[in-house]
Amino acid sequence: MAYMDGFVAAVPKKNKEKYLEHAKLASVVFKENGALKITEGWGDDVPDGEVTSLPMAVKCKVDETIVFSTVMWPSKEVRDAGWQAVMDDPRMHPDENPMPFDGKRLIYGGFEVVLDE
């Protein structure tokens, strides 16, 4: 059964191009390790909430925007092996491919795909 990872991050608006470079390299590494598809969404209509919201979840600052990303995998087993390989790949280490945002405010999770139309 298909599996998906989802990510939400607050990225400084001035780092959009740096973020895209980071994401393009990461997508190559993910695909080499079994990922089927990677998506990156640059927020342009992500409202603040009164109780909770994506901006609140990652403590988005005025000079940042929300990025929403997904990685699709053929199965959780492929994802688990792929993640380990991605983390071990030197191209993903901070000295080779630094994150152009505060990784401590990144939220993520893995999801069993229950609908794909």
N, C-alpha and C. Protein backbone atom coordinates (compact mmCIF):
# COMPACT_ATOMS: atom_id res chain seq x y z
N MET A 1 0.83 -1.17 0.00
CA MET A 1 0.00 0.00 0.00
C MET A 1 0.88 1.25 0.00
N ALA A 2 0.47 2.26 -0.74
CA ALA A 2 1.25 3.49 -0.85
C ALA A 2 1.40 4.17 0.50
N TYR A 3 2.46 4.94 0.60
CA TYR A 3 2.77 5.64 1.85
C TYR A 3 3.22 7.05 1.50
N MET A 4 2.96 8.00 2.40
CA MET A 4 3.27 9.40 2.13
C MET A 4 3.87 10.04 3.37
N ASP A 5 4.88 10.86 3.15
CA ASP A 5 5.40 11.73 4.21
C ASP A 5 4.94 13.14 3.90
N GLY A 6 4.56 13.88 4.94
CA GLY A 6 4.15 15.27 4.79
C GLY A 6 4.98 16.16 5.69
N PHE A 7 5.28 17.35 5.21
CA PHE A 7 6.15 18.29 5.92
C PHE A 7 5.56 19.70 5.84
N VAL A 8 5.69 20.44 6.93
CA VAL A 8 5.32 21.85 6.96
C VAL A 8 6.50 22.59 7.59
N ALA A 9 6.92 23.66 6.93
CA ALA A 9 8.04 24.45 7.44
C ALA A 9 7.78 25.93 7.21
N ALA A 10 8.40 26.77 8.03
CA ALA A 10 8.39 28.21 7.83
C ALA A 10 9.74 28.58 7.21
N VAL A 11 9.69 29.14 6.00
CA VAL A 11 10.92 29.46 5.26
C VAL A 11 10.99 30.96 5.04
N PRO A 12 12.14 31.58 5.34
CA PRO A 12 12.27 33.01 5.06
C PRO A 12 11.98 33.29 3.58
N LYS A 13 11.15 34.29 3.34
CA LYS A 13 10.78 34.63 1.96
C LYS A 13 12.00 34.91 1.10
N LYS A 14 13.03 35.52 1.69
CA LYS A 14 14.24 35.84 0.93
C LYS A 14 15.01 34.58 0.52
N ASN A 15 14.69 33.44 1.12
CA ASN A 15 15.41 32.19 0.82
C ASN A 15 14.67 31.29 -0.17
N LYS A 16 13.72 31.83 -0.91
CA LYS A 16 12.93 31.00 -1.82
C LYS A 16 13.82 30.24 -2.81
N GLU A 17 14.73 30.93 -3.45
CA GLU A 17 15.60 30.26 -4.43
C GLU A 17 16.52 29.24 -3.76
N LYS A 18 17.07 29.59 -2.60
CA LYS A 18 17.90 28.64 -1.85
C LYS A 18 17.08 27.42 -1.47
N TYR A 19 15.83 27.64 -1.07
CA TYR A 19 14.97 26.52 -0.70
C TYR A 19 14.74 25.62 -1.91
N LEU A 20 14.46 26.21 -3.05
CA LEU A 20 14.23 25.40 -4.26
C LEU A 20 15.47 24.59 -4.64
N GLU A 21 16.64 25.18 -4.51
CA GLU A 21 17.88 24.43 -4.78
C GLU A 21 18.00 23.25 -3.82
N HIS A 22 17.76 23.51 -2.54
CA HIS A 22 17.80 22.46 -1.51
C HIS A 22 16.80 21.36 -1.85
N ALA A 23 15.58 21.74 -2.19
CA ALA A 23 14.52 20.77 -2.47
C ALA A 23 14.82 19.96 -3.74
N LYS A 24 15.37 20.60 -4.74
CA LYS A 24 15.69 19.87 -5.99
C LYS A 24 16.75 18.80 -5.73
N LEU A 25 17.78 19.14 -4.98
CA LEU A 25 18.80 18.14 -4.66
C LEU A 25 18.19 17.03 -3.79
N ALA A 26 17.40 17.41 -2.81
CA ALA A 26 16.77 16.41 -1.94
C ALA A 26 15.87 15.48 -2.76
N SER A 27 15.14 16.03 -3.73
CA SER A 27 14.25 15.19 -4.53
C SER A 27 15.02 14.15 -5.32
N VAL A 28 16.19 14.49 -5.80
CA VAL A 28 17.03 13.51 -6.51
C VAL A 28 17.41 12.38 -5.57
N VAL A 29 17.85 12.74 -4.37
CA VAL A 29 18.27 11.73 -3.39
C VAL A 29 17.09 10.85 -2.98
N PHE A 30 15.93 11.46 -2.74
CA PHE A 30 14.75 10.68 -2.37
C PHE A 30 14.36 9.71 -3.48
N LYS A 31 14.35 10.19 -4.73
CA LYS A 31 13.96 9.31 -5.84
C LYS A 31 14.97 8.19 -6.06
N GLU A 32 16.24 8.48 -5.86
CA GLU A 32 17.26 7.43 -5.98
C GLU A 32 17.03 6.33 -4.93
N ASN A 33 16.32 6.67 -3.87
CA ASN A 33 16.11 5.73 -2.77
C ASN A 33 14.66 5.26 -2.65
N GLY A 34 13.93 5.31 -3.75
CA GLY A 34 12.62 4.69 -3.81
C GLY A 34 11.41 5.57 -3.83
N ALA A 35 11.55 6.88 -3.60
CA ALA A 35 10.39 7.78 -3.64
C ALA A 35 9.83 7.85 -5.06
N LEU A 36 8.52 7.93 -5.15
CA LEU A 36 7.86 8.01 -6.45
C LEU A 36 7.65 9.44 -6.93
N LYS A 37 7.34 10.33 -5.99
CA LYS A 37 7.02 11.70 -6.35
C LYS A 37 7.27 12.61 -5.16
N ILE A 38 7.77 13.81 -5.44
CA ILE A 38 8.00 14.82 -4.42
C ILE A 38 7.26 16.08 -4.85
N THR A 39 6.54 16.69 -3.93
CA THR A 39 5.89 17.97 -4.22
C THR A 39 6.36 19.01 -3.22
N GLU A 40 6.44 20.24 -3.68
CA GLU A 40 6.80 21.38 -2.84
C GLU A 40 5.80 22.48 -3.12
N GLY A 41 5.14 22.96 -2.10
CA GLY A 41 4.20 24.06 -2.25
C GLY A 41 4.66 25.27 -1.46
N TRP A 42 4.79 26.43 -2.16
CA TRP A 42 5.19 27.69 -1.54
C TRP A 42 3.92 28.45 -1.18
N GLY A 43 3.68 28.67 0.11
CA GLY A 43 2.42 29.24 0.56
C GLY A 43 2.14 30.63 0.02
N ASP A 44 0.90 30.83 -0.46
CA ASP A 44 0.48 32.16 -0.85
C ASP A 44 -0.93 32.47 -0.35
N ASP A 45 -1.57 31.50 0.30
CA ASP A 45 -2.88 31.71 0.91
C ASP A 45 -3.01 30.80 2.13
N VAL A 46 -2.21 31.09 3.15
CA VAL A 46 -2.16 30.25 4.34
C VAL A 46 -2.53 31.14 5.54
N PRO A 47 -3.81 31.14 5.89
CA PRO A 47 -4.27 32.08 6.91
C PRO A 47 -3.81 31.72 8.32
N ASP A 48 -3.67 32.75 9.13
CA ASP A 48 -3.46 32.55 10.56
C ASP A 48 -4.78 32.09 11.16
N GLY A 49 -4.69 31.29 12.19
CA GLY A 49 -5.89 30.83 12.86
C GLY A 49 -6.06 31.49 14.21
N GLU A 50 -7.21 31.28 14.80
CA GLU A 50 -7.46 31.80 16.13
C GLU A 50 -7.03 30.81 17.20
N VAL A 51 -7.20 29.52 16.92
CA VAL A 51 -6.83 28.48 17.88
C VAL A 51 -5.62 27.70 17.39
N THR A 52 -5.63 27.33 16.11
CA THR A 52 -4.51 26.61 15.52
C THR A 52 -4.47 26.87 14.02
N SER A 53 -3.32 26.71 13.42
CA SER A 53 -3.15 26.91 11.98
C SER A 53 -1.76 26.43 11.60
N LEU A 54 -1.52 26.32 10.32
CA LEU A 54 -0.17 25.96 9.87
C LEU A 54 0.86 27.00 10.31
N PRO A 55 0.61 28.31 10.13
CA PRO A 55 1.60 29.28 10.60
C PRO A 55 1.88 29.17 12.10
N MET A 56 0.83 28.94 12.88
CA MET A 56 1.02 28.81 14.33
C MET A 56 1.81 27.55 14.67
N ALA A 57 1.55 26.48 13.93
CA ALA A 57 2.21 25.20 14.23
C ALA A 57 3.72 25.28 14.09
N VAL A 58 4.21 26.10 13.14
CA VAL A 58 5.66 26.20 12.93
C VAL A 58 6.21 27.56 13.35
N LYS A 59 5.38 28.31 14.09
CA LYS A 59 5.80 29.62 14.60
C LYS A 59 6.33 30.52 13.48
N CYS A 60 5.54 30.61 12.42
CA CYS A 60 5.91 31.39 11.23
C CYS A 60 6.04 32.87 11.60
N LYS A 61 7.14 33.48 11.16
CA LYS A 61 7.39 34.89 11.42
C LYS A 61 6.90 35.73 10.24
N VAL A 62 6.84 37.04 10.42
CA VAL A 62 6.32 37.95 9.40
C VAL A 62 7.10 37.85 8.09
N ASP A 63 8.39 37.63 8.17
CA ASP A 63 9.22 37.58 6.97
C ASP A 63 9.37 36.16 6.40
N GLU A 64 8.51 35.24 6.83
CA GLU A 64 8.56 33.86 6.38
C GLU A 64 7.24 33.48 5.70
N THR A 65 7.28 32.39 4.96
CA THR A 65 6.07 31.81 4.40
C THR A 65 6.05 30.32 4.71
N ILE A 66 4.88 29.73 4.59
CA ILE A 66 4.72 28.30 4.84
C ILE A 66 5.05 27.52 3.58
N VAL A 67 5.80 26.45 3.76
CA VAL A 67 6.05 25.49 2.69
C VAL A 67 5.42 24.17 3.10
N PHE A 68 4.68 23.57 2.17
CA PHE A 68 4.04 22.28 2.41
C PHE A 68 4.61 21.30 1.39
N SER A 69 5.17 20.21 1.87
CA SER A 69 5.85 19.25 1.00
C SER A 69 5.32 17.84 1.24
N THR A 70 5.36 17.03 0.19
CA THR A 70 5.02 15.62 0.33
C THR A 70 6.03 14.76 -0.42
N VAL A 71 6.22 13.57 0.09
CA VAL A 71 7.02 12.55 -0.59
C VAL A 71 6.15 11.30 -0.66
N MET A 72 5.92 10.81 -1.86
CA MET A 72 5.11 9.61 -2.06
C MET A 72 6.05 8.41 -2.25
N TRP A 73 5.67 7.31 -1.60
CA TRP A 73 6.44 6.07 -1.65
C TRP A 73 5.51 4.92 -2.07
N PRO A 74 6.05 3.86 -2.64
CA PRO A 74 5.20 2.72 -3.00
C PRO A 74 4.69 1.95 -1.78
N SER A 75 5.40 2.01 -0.66
CA SER A 75 5.00 1.29 0.55
C SER A 75 5.75 1.85 1.74
N LYS A 76 5.28 1.52 2.93
CA LYS A 76 5.98 1.95 4.15
C LYS A 76 7.35 1.28 4.25
N GLU A 77 7.45 0.05 3.80
CA GLU A 77 8.73 -0.67 3.86
C GLU A 77 9.77 0.03 2.99
N VAL A 78 9.37 0.44 1.78
CA VAL A 78 10.29 1.16 0.90
C VAL A 78 10.64 2.51 1.53
N ARG A 79 9.66 3.15 2.13
CA ARG A 79 9.90 4.44 2.78
C ARG A 79 10.89 4.30 3.92
N ASP A 80 10.70 3.30 4.77
CA ASP A 80 11.60 3.14 5.91
C ASP A 80 13.04 2.91 5.46
N ALA A 81 13.23 2.05 4.47
CA ALA A 81 14.59 1.81 3.94
C ALA A 81 15.11 3.05 3.22
N GLY A 82 14.24 3.69 2.46
CA GLY A 82 14.64 4.89 1.73
C GLY A 82 15.05 6.02 2.64
N TRP A 83 14.30 6.23 3.72
CA TRP A 83 14.64 7.30 4.66
C TRP A 83 16.03 7.08 5.25
N GLN A 84 16.31 5.85 5.62
CA GLN A 84 17.63 5.57 6.20
C GLN A 84 18.72 5.90 5.19
N ALA A 85 18.51 5.50 3.94
CA ALA A 85 19.50 5.78 2.89
C ALA A 85 19.63 7.28 2.64
N VAL A 86 18.52 8.00 2.67
CA VAL A 86 18.56 9.45 2.48
C VAL A 86 19.36 10.10 3.60
N MET A 87 19.11 9.70 4.83
CA MET A 87 19.81 10.28 5.97
C MET A 87 21.31 9.95 5.95
N ASP A 88 21.66 8.82 5.38
CA ASP A 88 23.06 8.42 5.29
C ASP A 88 23.78 9.04 4.10
N ASP A 89 23.05 9.62 3.17
CA ASP A 89 23.64 10.17 1.94
C ASP A 89 24.35 11.49 2.26
N PRO A 90 25.64 11.61 1.91
CA PRO A 90 26.38 12.84 2.23
C PRO A 90 25.79 14.09 1.59
N ARG A 91 25.04 13.96 0.50
CA ARG A 91 24.43 15.13 -0.13
C ARG A 91 23.34 15.74 0.74
N MET A 92 22.88 15.01 1.74
CA MET A 92 21.84 15.52 2.62
C MET A 92 22.39 16.05 3.93
N HIS A 93 23.67 15.96 4.15
CA HIS A 93 24.27 16.47 5.38
C HIS A 93 24.32 17.99 5.34
N PRO A 94 24.16 18.63 6.48
CA PRO A 94 24.09 20.09 6.53
C PRO A 94 25.27 20.81 5.90
N ASP A 95 26.45 20.24 5.94
CA ASP A 95 27.59 20.93 5.33
C ASP A 95 27.53 20.87 3.81
N GLU A 96 26.85 19.89 3.24
CA GLU A 96 26.71 19.75 1.79
C GLU A 96 25.45 20.44 1.27
N ASN A 97 24.36 20.35 2.02
CA ASN A 97 23.06 20.86 1.58
C ASN A 97 22.34 21.47 2.79
N PRO A 98 22.80 22.65 3.24
CA PRO A 98 22.21 23.24 4.44
C PRO A 98 20.74 23.62 4.23
N MET A 99 19.95 23.40 5.27
CA MET A 99 18.55 23.78 5.19
C MET A 99 18.44 25.31 5.26
N PRO A 100 17.77 25.94 4.30
CA PRO A 100 17.64 27.40 4.32
C PRO A 100 16.45 27.86 5.17
N PHE A 101 16.23 27.18 6.28
CA PHE A 101 15.16 27.51 7.21
C PHE A 101 15.51 26.87 8.54
N ASP A 102 14.73 27.19 9.57
CA ASP A 102 14.97 26.65 10.90
C ASP A 102 14.35 25.26 11.00
N GLY A 103 15.18 24.23 10.91
CA GLY A 103 14.71 22.86 10.94
C GLY A 103 14.07 22.46 12.26
N LYS A 104 14.32 23.20 13.31
CA LYS A 104 13.70 22.88 14.60
C LYS A 104 12.21 23.18 14.60
N ARG A 105 11.76 24.01 13.65
CA ARG A 105 10.34 24.34 13.55
C ARG A 105 9.63 23.56 12.45
N LEU A 106 10.32 22.64 11.82
CA LEU A 106 9.73 21.76 10.81
C LEU A 106 8.85 20.72 11.49
N ILE A 107 7.65 20.50 10.96
CA ILE A 107 6.82 19.42 11.46
C ILE A 107 6.62 18.42 10.32
N TYR A 108 6.53 17.16 10.66
CA TYR A 108 6.40 16.14 9.63
C TYR A 108 5.73 14.90 10.21
N GLY A 109 5.29 14.06 9.31
CA GLY A 109 4.69 12.80 9.73
C GLY A 109 4.56 11.87 8.53
N GLY A 110 4.41 10.59 8.83
CA GLY A 110 4.21 9.57 7.81
C GLY A 110 2.76 9.11 7.83
N PHE A 111 2.21 8.84 6.64
CA PHE A 111 0.79 8.55 6.51
C PHE A 111 0.55 7.39 5.54
N GLU A 112 -0.30 6.48 5.95
CA GLU A 112 -0.79 5.45 5.05
C GLU A 112 -1.79 6.13 4.10
N VAL A 113 -1.59 5.95 2.83
CA VAL A 113 -2.50 6.56 1.85
C VAL A 113 -3.80 5.76 1.83
N VAL A 114 -4.92 6.44 2.09
CA VAL A 114 -6.21 5.76 2.11
C VAL A 114 -7.11 6.20 0.95
N LEU A 115 -6.71 7.27 0.24
CA LEU A 115 -7.43 7.72 -0.94
C LEU A 115 -6.44 8.38 -1.88
N ASP A 116 -6.45 7.97 -3.14
CA ASP A 116 -5.55 8.54 -4.15
C ASP A 116 -6.31 8.54 -5.47
N GLU A 117 -6.96 9.65 -5.78
CA GLU A 117 -7.79 9.71 -7.00
C GLU A 117 -7.27 10.76 -7.95
